[in-house]
PDB file of all heavy atoms in Angstrom:
ATOM      1  N   LEU A   1      -4.627 -17.783   2.971  1.00  0.00           N
ATOM      2  CA  LEU A   1      -3.798 -17.002   3.883  1.00  0.00           C
ATOM      3  C   LEU A   1      -3.391 -17.800   5.117  1.00  0.00           C
ATOM      4  O   LEU A   1      -3.020 -17.230   6.138  1.00  0.00           O
ATOM      5  CB  LEU A   1      -4.522 -15.729   4.323  1.00  0.00           C
ATOM      6  CG  LEU A   1      -4.446 -14.519   3.379  1.00  0.00           C
ATOM      7  CD1 LEU A   1      -5.286 -14.754   2.143  1.00  0.00           C
ATOM      8  CD2 LEU A   1      -4.896 -13.240   4.083  1.00  0.00           C
ATOM      9  N   GLY A   2      -3.444 -19.119   5.018  1.00  0.00           N
ATOM     10  CA  GLY A   2      -3.032 -19.953   6.133  1.00  0.00           C
ATOM     11  C   GLY A   2      -4.210 -20.543   6.882  1.00  0.00           C
ATOM     12  O   GLY A   2      -5.375 -20.350   6.502  1.00  0.00           O
ATOM     13  N   PRO A   3      -3.949 -21.288   7.965  1.00  0.00           N
ATOM     14  CA  PRO A   3      -4.996 -21.968   8.724  1.00  0.00           C
ATOM     15  C   PRO A   3      -6.130 -21.035   9.135  1.00  0.00           C
ATOM     16  O   PRO A   3      -5.898 -19.952   9.669  1.00  0.00           O
ATOM     17  CB  PRO A   3      -4.244 -22.494   9.953  1.00  0.00           C
ATOM     18  CG  PRO A   3      -2.836 -22.651   9.489  1.00  0.00           C
ATOM     19  CD  PRO A   3      -2.605 -21.528   8.528  1.00  0.00           C
ATOM     20  N   GLY A   4      -7.355 -21.490   8.849  1.00  0.00           N
ATOM     21  CA  GLY A   4      -8.527 -20.693   9.183  1.00  0.00           C
ATOM     22  C   GLY A   4      -8.863 -19.622   8.169  1.00  0.00           C
ATOM     23  O   GLY A   4      -9.894 -18.953   8.285  1.00  0.00           O
ATOM     24  N   HIS A   5      -7.997 -19.453   7.165  1.00  0.00           N
ATOM     25  CA  HIS A   5      -8.216 -18.411   6.151  1.00  0.00           C
ATOM     26  C   HIS A   5      -7.813 -18.947   4.771  1.00  0.00           C
ATOM     27  O   HIS A   5      -7.077 -18.303   4.034  1.00  0.00           O
ATOM     28  CB  HIS A   5      -7.397 -17.166   6.481  1.00  0.00           C
ATOM     29  CG  HIS A   5      -7.770 -16.525   7.792  1.00  0.00           C
ATOM     30  ND1 HIS A   5      -8.715 -15.540   7.908  1.00  0.00           N
ATOM     31  CD2 HIS A   5      -7.313 -16.771   9.059  1.00  0.00           C
ATOM     32  CE1 HIS A   5      -8.826 -15.184   9.181  1.00  0.00           C
ATOM     33  NE2 HIS A   5      -7.988 -15.908   9.890  1.00  0.00           N
ATOM     34  N   THR A   6      -8.302 -20.126   4.435  1.00  0.00           N
ATOM     35  CA  THR A   6      -7.875 -20.798   3.209  1.00  0.00           C
ATOM     36  C   THR A   6      -8.701 -20.424   1.985  1.00  0.00           C
ATOM     37  O   THR A   6      -8.356 -20.812   0.875  1.00  0.00           O
ATOM     38  CB  THR A   6      -7.931 -22.322   3.392  1.00  0.00           C
ATOM     39  OG1 THR A   6      -9.273 -22.707   3.745  1.00  0.00           O
ATOM     40  CG2 THR A   6      -6.970 -22.760   4.489  1.00  0.00           C
ATOM     41  N   ALA A   7      -9.780 -19.693   2.172  1.00  0.00           N
ATOM     42  CA  ALA A   7     -10.650 -19.357   1.033  1.00  0.00           C
ATOM     43  C   ALA A   7     -11.131 -17.915   1.129  1.00  0.00           C
ATOM     44  O   ALA A   7     -12.328 -17.627   1.036  1.00  0.00           O
ATOM     45  CB  ALA A   7     -11.833 -20.317   0.953  1.00  0.00           C
ATOM     46  N   GLU A   8     -10.195 -16.985   1.322  1.00  0.00           N
ATOM     47  CA  GLU A   8     -10.538 -15.564   1.390  1.00  0.00           C
ATOM     48  C   GLU A   8     -10.849 -15.034  -0.014  1.00  0.00           C
ATOM     49  O   GLU A   8     -10.276 -15.494  -1.008  1.00  0.00           O
ATOM     50  CB  GLU A   8      -9.393 -14.770   2.006  1.00  0.00           C
ATOM     51  CG  GLU A   8      -9.037 -15.200   3.421  1.00  0.00           C
ATOM     52  CD  GLU A   8     -10.168 -14.995   4.404  1.00  0.00           C
ATOM     53  OE1 GLU A   8     -10.818 -13.937   4.363  1.00  0.00           O
ATOM     54  OE2 GLU A   8     -10.436 -15.913   5.199  1.00  0.00           O
ATOM     55  N   THR A   9     -11.760 -14.081  -0.100  1.00  0.00           N
ATOM     56  CA  THR A   9     -12.158 -13.521  -1.386  1.00  0.00           C
ATOM     57  C   THR A   9     -11.781 -12.054  -1.487  1.00  0.00           C
ATOM     58  O   THR A   9     -11.540 -11.387  -0.481  1.00  0.00           O
ATOM     59  CB  THR A   9     -13.673 -13.667  -1.598  1.00  0.00           C
ATOM     60  OG1 THR A   9     -14.369 -13.009  -0.521  1.00  0.00           O
ATOM     61  CG2 THR A   9     -14.067 -15.141  -1.615  1.00  0.00           C
ATOM     62  N   CYS A  10     -11.765 -11.571  -2.722  1.00  0.00           N
ATOM     63  CA  CYS A  10     -11.410 -10.177  -2.988  1.00  0.00           C
ATOM     64  C   CYS A  10     -12.651  -9.306  -2.871  1.00  0.00           C
ATOM     65  O   CYS A  10     -13.749  -9.721  -3.286  1.00  0.00           O
ATOM     66  CB  CYS A  10     -10.813 -10.079  -4.394  1.00  0.00           C
ATOM     67  SG  CYS A  10     -10.026  -8.490  -4.746  1.00  0.00           S
ATOM     68  N   PRO A  11     -12.566  -8.114  -2.324  1.00  0.00           N
ATOM     69  CA  PRO A  11     -13.714  -7.221  -2.264  1.00  0.00           C
ATOM     70  C   PRO A  11     -14.292  -6.949  -3.654  1.00  0.00           C
ATOM     71  O   PRO A  11     -13.571  -6.968  -4.652  1.00  0.00           O
ATOM     72  CB  PRO A  11     -13.135  -5.936  -1.641  1.00  0.00           C
ATOM     73  CG  PRO A  11     -11.943  -6.398  -0.869  1.00  0.00           C
ATOM     74  CD  PRO A  11     -11.372  -7.539  -1.661  1.00  0.00           C
ATOM     75  N   ASP A  12     -15.598  -6.711  -3.716  1.00  0.00           N
ATOM     76  CA  ASP A  12     -16.275  -6.473  -4.989  1.00  0.00           C
ATOM     77  C   ASP A  12     -15.633  -5.322  -5.754  1.00  0.00           C
ATOM     78  O   ASP A  12     -15.322  -4.270  -5.187  1.00  0.00           O
ATOM     79  CB  ASP A  12     -17.757  -6.156  -4.754  1.00  0.00           C
ATOM     80  CG  ASP A  12     -18.528  -7.377  -4.271  1.00  0.00           C
ATOM     81  OD1 ASP A  12     -18.018  -8.496  -4.470  1.00  0.00           O
ATOM     82  OD2 ASP A  12     -19.626  -7.201  -3.706  1.00  0.00           O
ATOM     83  N   GLY A  13     -15.466  -5.543  -7.060  1.00  0.00           N
ATOM     84  CA  GLY A  13     -14.952  -4.494  -7.929  1.00  0.00           C
ATOM     85  C   GLY A  13     -13.464  -4.271  -7.847  1.00  0.00           C
ATOM     86  O   GLY A  13     -12.947  -3.329  -8.449  1.00  0.00           O
ATOM     87  N   ARG A  14     -12.739  -5.126  -7.148  1.00  0.00           N
ATOM     88  CA  ARG A  14     -11.298  -4.953  -6.991  1.00  0.00           C
ATOM     89  C   ARG A  14     -10.553  -6.153  -7.576  1.00  0.00           C
ATOM     90  O   ARG A  14     -11.118  -7.218  -7.799  1.00  0.00           O
ATOM     91  CB  ARG A  14     -10.927  -4.818  -5.515  1.00  0.00           C
ATOM     92  CG  ARG A  14     -11.739  -3.776  -4.755  1.00  0.00           C
ATOM     93  CD  ARG A  14     -11.227  -2.395  -4.958  1.00  0.00           C
ATOM     94  NE  ARG A  14     -12.034  -1.395  -4.262  1.00  0.00           N
ATOM     95  CZ  ARG A  14     -11.603  -0.193  -3.929  1.00  0.00           C
ATOM     96  NH1 ARG A  14     -10.367   0.173  -4.231  1.00  0.00           N
ATOM     97  NH2 ARG A  14     -12.390   0.662  -3.309  1.00  0.00           N
ATOM     98  N   ARG A  15      -9.285  -5.969  -7.812  1.00  0.00           N
ATOM     99  CA  ARG A  15      -8.377  -7.070  -8.097  1.00  0.00           C
ATOM    100  C   ARG A  15      -7.438  -7.205  -6.915  1.00  0.00           C
ATOM    101  O   ARG A  15      -7.032  -6.202  -6.321  1.00  0.00           O
ATOM    102  CB  ARG A  15      -7.578  -6.801  -9.379  1.00  0.00           C
ATOM    103  CG  ARG A  15      -8.423  -6.795 -10.637  1.00  0.00           C
ATOM    104  CD  ARG A  15      -8.841  -8.201 -11.043  1.00  0.00           C
ATOM    105  NE  ARG A  15      -9.726  -8.150 -12.202  1.00  0.00           N
ATOM    106  CZ  ARG A  15      -9.312  -8.075 -13.458  1.00  0.00           C
ATOM    107  NH1 ARG A  15      -8.013  -8.041 -13.719  1.00  0.00           N
ATOM    108  NH2 ARG A  15     -10.179  -8.026 -14.443  1.00  0.00           N
ATOM    109  N   CYS A  16      -7.086  -8.428  -6.571  1.00  0.00           N
ATOM    110  CA  CYS A  16      -6.279  -8.663  -5.378  1.00  0.00           C
ATOM    111  C   CYS A  16      -4.970  -9.365  -5.715  1.00  0.00           C
ATOM    112  O   CYS A  16      -4.856 -10.063  -6.719  1.00  0.00           O
ATOM    113  CB  CYS A  16      -7.063  -9.480  -4.358  1.00  0.00           C
ATOM    114  SG  CYS A  16      -8.347  -8.529  -3.486  1.00  0.00           S
ATOM    115  N   ILE A  17      -3.991  -9.166  -4.837  1.00  0.00           N
ATOM    116  CA  ILE A  17      -2.678  -9.783  -4.938  1.00  0.00           C
ATOM    117  C   ILE A  17      -2.357 -10.399  -3.577  1.00  0.00           C
ATOM    118  O   ILE A  17      -2.521  -9.753  -2.540  1.00  0.00           O
ATOM    119  CB  ILE A  17      -1.603  -8.744  -5.300  1.00  0.00           C
ATOM    120  CG1 ILE A  17      -1.905  -8.121  -6.662  1.00  0.00           C
ATOM    121  CG2 ILE A  17      -0.218  -9.373  -5.307  1.00  0.00           C
ATOM    122  CD1 ILE A  17      -1.068  -6.902  -6.949  1.00  0.00           C
ATOM    123  N   LEU A  18      -1.928 -11.659  -3.591  1.00  0.00           N
ATOM    124  CA  LEU A  18      -1.554 -12.342  -2.360  1.00  0.00           C
ATOM    125  C   LEU A  18      -0.044 -12.516  -2.303  1.00  0.00           C
ATOM    126  O   LEU A  18       0.571 -12.989  -3.264  1.00  0.00           O
ATOM    127  CB  LEU A  18      -2.232 -13.712  -2.283  1.00  0.00           C
ATOM    128  CG  LEU A  18      -1.850 -14.586  -1.079  1.00  0.00           C
ATOM    129  CD1 LEU A  18      -2.259 -13.921   0.227  1.00  0.00           C
ATOM    130  CD2 LEU A  18      -2.479 -15.973  -1.206  1.00  0.00           C
ATOM    131  N   THR A  19       0.556 -12.125  -1.193  1.00  0.00           N
ATOM    132  CA  THR A  19       1.992 -12.346  -0.988  1.00  0.00           C
ATOM    133  C   THR A  19       2.181 -13.310   0.164  1.00  0.00           C
ATOM    134  O   THR A  19       1.497 -13.222   1.190  1.00  0.00           O
ATOM    135  CB  THR A  19       2.723 -11.036  -0.676  1.00  0.00           C
ATOM    136  OG1 THR A  19       2.250 -10.508   0.582  1.00  0.00           O
ATOM    137  CG2 THR A  19       2.478 -10.001  -1.765  1.00  0.00           C
ATOM    138  N   ASN A  20       3.102 -14.243  -0.013  1.00  0.00           N
ATOM    139  CA  ASN A  20       3.465 -15.207   1.036  1.00  0.00           C
ATOM    140  C   ASN A  20       4.973 -15.158   1.215  1.00  0.00           C
ATOM    141  O   ASN A  20       5.723 -15.168   0.240  1.00  0.00           O
ATOM    142  CB  ASN A  20       3.032 -16.620   0.633  1.00  0.00           C
ATOM    143  CG  ASN A  20       1.532 -16.730   0.403  1.00  0.00           C
ATOM    144  OD1 ASN A  20       0.743 -16.570   1.319  1.00  0.00           O
ATOM    145  ND2 ASN A  20       1.142 -16.996  -0.834  1.00  0.00           N
ATOM    146  N   ASN A  21       5.405 -15.117   2.463  1.00  0.00           N
ATOM    147  CA  ASN A  21       6.834 -15.001   2.721  1.00  0.00           C
ATOM    148  C   ASN A  21       7.165 -15.668   4.050  1.00  0.00           C
ATOM    149  O   ASN A  21       6.352 -15.673   4.977  1.00  0.00           O
ATOM    150  CB  ASN A  21       7.238 -13.518   2.763  1.00  0.00           C
ATOM    151  CG  ASN A  21       8.730 -13.320   2.699  1.00  0.00           C
ATOM    152  OD1 ASN A  21       9.451 -14.148   2.158  1.00  0.00           O
ATOM    153  ND2 ASN A  21       9.214 -12.219   3.252  1.00  0.00           N
ATOM    154  N   THR A  22       8.345 -16.260   4.137  1.00  0.00           N
ATOM    155  CA  THR A  22       8.815 -16.853   5.388  1.00  0.00           C
ATOM    156  C   THR A  22      10.107 -16.159   5.795  1.00  0.00           C
ATOM    157  O   THR A  22      11.048 -16.082   4.993  1.00  0.00           O
ATOM    158  CB  THR A  22       9.064 -18.364   5.236  1.00  0.00           C
ATOM    159  OG1 THR A  22       7.834 -19.007   4.864  1.00  0.00           O
ATOM    160  CG2 THR A  22       9.551 -18.956   6.549  1.00  0.00           C
ATOM    161  N   VAL A  23      10.143 -15.648   7.013  1.00  0.00           N
ATOM    162  CA  VAL A  23      11.283 -14.871   7.490  1.00  0.00           C
ATOM    163  C   VAL A  23      11.874 -15.542   8.729  1.00  0.00           C
ATOM    164  O   VAL A  23      11.170 -15.802   9.709  1.00  0.00           O
ATOM    165  CB  VAL A  23      10.869 -13.424   7.837  1.00  0.00           C
ATOM    166  CG1 VAL A  23      12.102 -12.597   8.181  1.00  0.00           C
ATOM    167  CG2 VAL A  23      10.093 -12.792   6.697  1.00  0.00           C
ATOM    168  N   ARG A  24      13.149 -15.806   8.678  1.00  0.00           N
ATOM    169  CA  ARG A  24      13.853 -16.371   9.832  1.00  0.00           C
ATOM    170  C   ARG A  24      14.273 -15.245  10.769  1.00  0.00           C
ATOM    171  O   ARG A  24      14.789 -14.203  10.323  1.00  0.00           O
ATOM    172  CB  ARG A  24      15.076 -17.151   9.359  1.00  0.00           C
ATOM    173  CG  ARG A  24      15.887 -17.823  10.474  1.00  0.00           C
ATOM    174  CD  ARG A  24      16.959 -18.712   9.864  1.00  0.00           C
ATOM    175  NE  ARG A  24      17.876 -19.262  10.840  1.00  0.00           N
ATOM    176  CZ  ARG A  24      17.635 -20.315  11.604  1.00  0.00           C
ATOM    177  NH1 ARG A  24      16.473 -20.941  11.489  1.00  0.00           N
ATOM    178  NH2 ARG A  24      18.534 -20.768  12.468  1.00  0.00           N
ATOM    179  N   LEU A  25      14.036 -15.428  12.054  1.00  0.00           N
ATOM    180  CA  LEU A  25      14.457 -14.442  13.055  1.00  0.00           C
ATOM    181  C   LEU A  25      15.936 -14.682  13.343  1.00  0.00           C
ATOM    182  O   LEU A  25      16.302 -15.477  14.219  1.00  0.00           O
ATOM    183  CB  LEU A  25      13.621 -14.560  14.317  1.00  0.00           C
ATOM    184  CG  LEU A  25      12.090 -14.479  14.129  1.00  0.00           C
ATOM    185  CD1 LEU A  25      11.398 -14.474  15.478  1.00  0.00           C
ATOM    186  CD2 LEU A  25      11.695 -13.259  13.311  1.00  0.00           C
ATOM    187  N   ILE A  26      16.774 -13.994  12.622  1.00  0.00           N
ATOM    188  CA  ILE A  26      18.207 -14.270  12.637  1.00  0.00           C
ATOM    189  C   ILE A  26      18.801 -14.134  14.033  1.00  0.00           C
ATOM    190  O   ILE A  26      19.585 -14.987  14.483  1.00  0.00           O
ATOM    191  CB  ILE A  26      18.929 -13.336  11.658  1.00  0.00           C
ATOM    192  CG1 ILE A  26      18.408 -13.558  10.231  1.00  0.00           C
ATOM    193  CG2 ILE A  26      20.437 -13.545  11.713  1.00  0.00           C
ATOM    194  CD1 ILE A  26      18.927 -12.564   9.227  1.00  0.00           C
ATOM    195  N   ASN A  27      18.441 -13.075  14.740  1.00  0.00           N
ATOM    196  CA  ASN A  27      19.045 -12.830  16.054  1.00  0.00           C
ATOM    197  C   ASN A  27      18.619 -13.870  17.077  1.00  0.00           C
ATOM    198  O   ASN A  27      19.410 -14.267  17.933  1.00  0.00           O
ATOM    199  CB  ASN A  27      18.664 -11.424  16.536  1.00  0.00           C
ATOM    200  CG  ASN A  27      19.248 -10.340  15.662  1.00  0.00           C
ATOM    201  OD1 ASN A  27      20.428 -10.073  15.713  1.00  0.00           O
ATOM    202  ND2 ASN A  27      18.411  -9.726  14.834  1.00  0.00           N
ATOM    203  N   VAL A  28      17.375 -14.301  17.007  1.00  0.00           N
ATOM    204  CA  VAL A  28      16.863 -15.275  17.978  1.00  0.00           C
ATOM    205  C   VAL A  28      17.363 -16.665  17.650  1.00  0.00           C
ATOM    206  O   VAL A  28      17.909 -17.376  18.504  1.00  0.00           O
ATOM    207  CB  VAL A  28      15.325 -15.237  17.996  1.00  0.00           C
ATOM    208  CG1 VAL A  28      14.792 -16.242  19.021  1.00  0.00           C
ATOM    209  CG2 VAL A  28      14.818 -13.834  18.328  1.00  0.00           C
ATOM    210  N   ALA A  29      17.166 -17.092  16.401  1.00  0.00           N
ATOM    211  CA  ALA A  29      17.547 -18.447  16.015  1.00  0.00           C
ATOM    212  C   ALA A  29      19.061 -18.640  16.043  1.00  0.00           C
ATOM    213  O   ALA A  29      19.550 -19.712  16.413  1.00  0.00           O
ATOM    214  CB  ALA A  29      17.003 -18.754  14.623  1.00  0.00           C
ATOM    215  N   GLY A  30      19.809 -17.593  15.654  1.00  0.00           N
ATOM    216  CA  GLY A  30      21.253 -17.717  15.601  1.00  0.00           C
ATOM    217  C   GLY A  30      21.877 -18.014  16.947  1.00  0.00           C
ATOM    218  O   GLY A  30      22.916 -18.683  17.027  1.00  0.00           O
TER     219      GLY A  30
END
């Protein structure tokens, strides 16, 4: 999950899904 969180685990008895996304701040950057 990024710096400081590179080896996170799933809670016992669950299945996990990781999403990663990069979003540009259109109004600020533009």
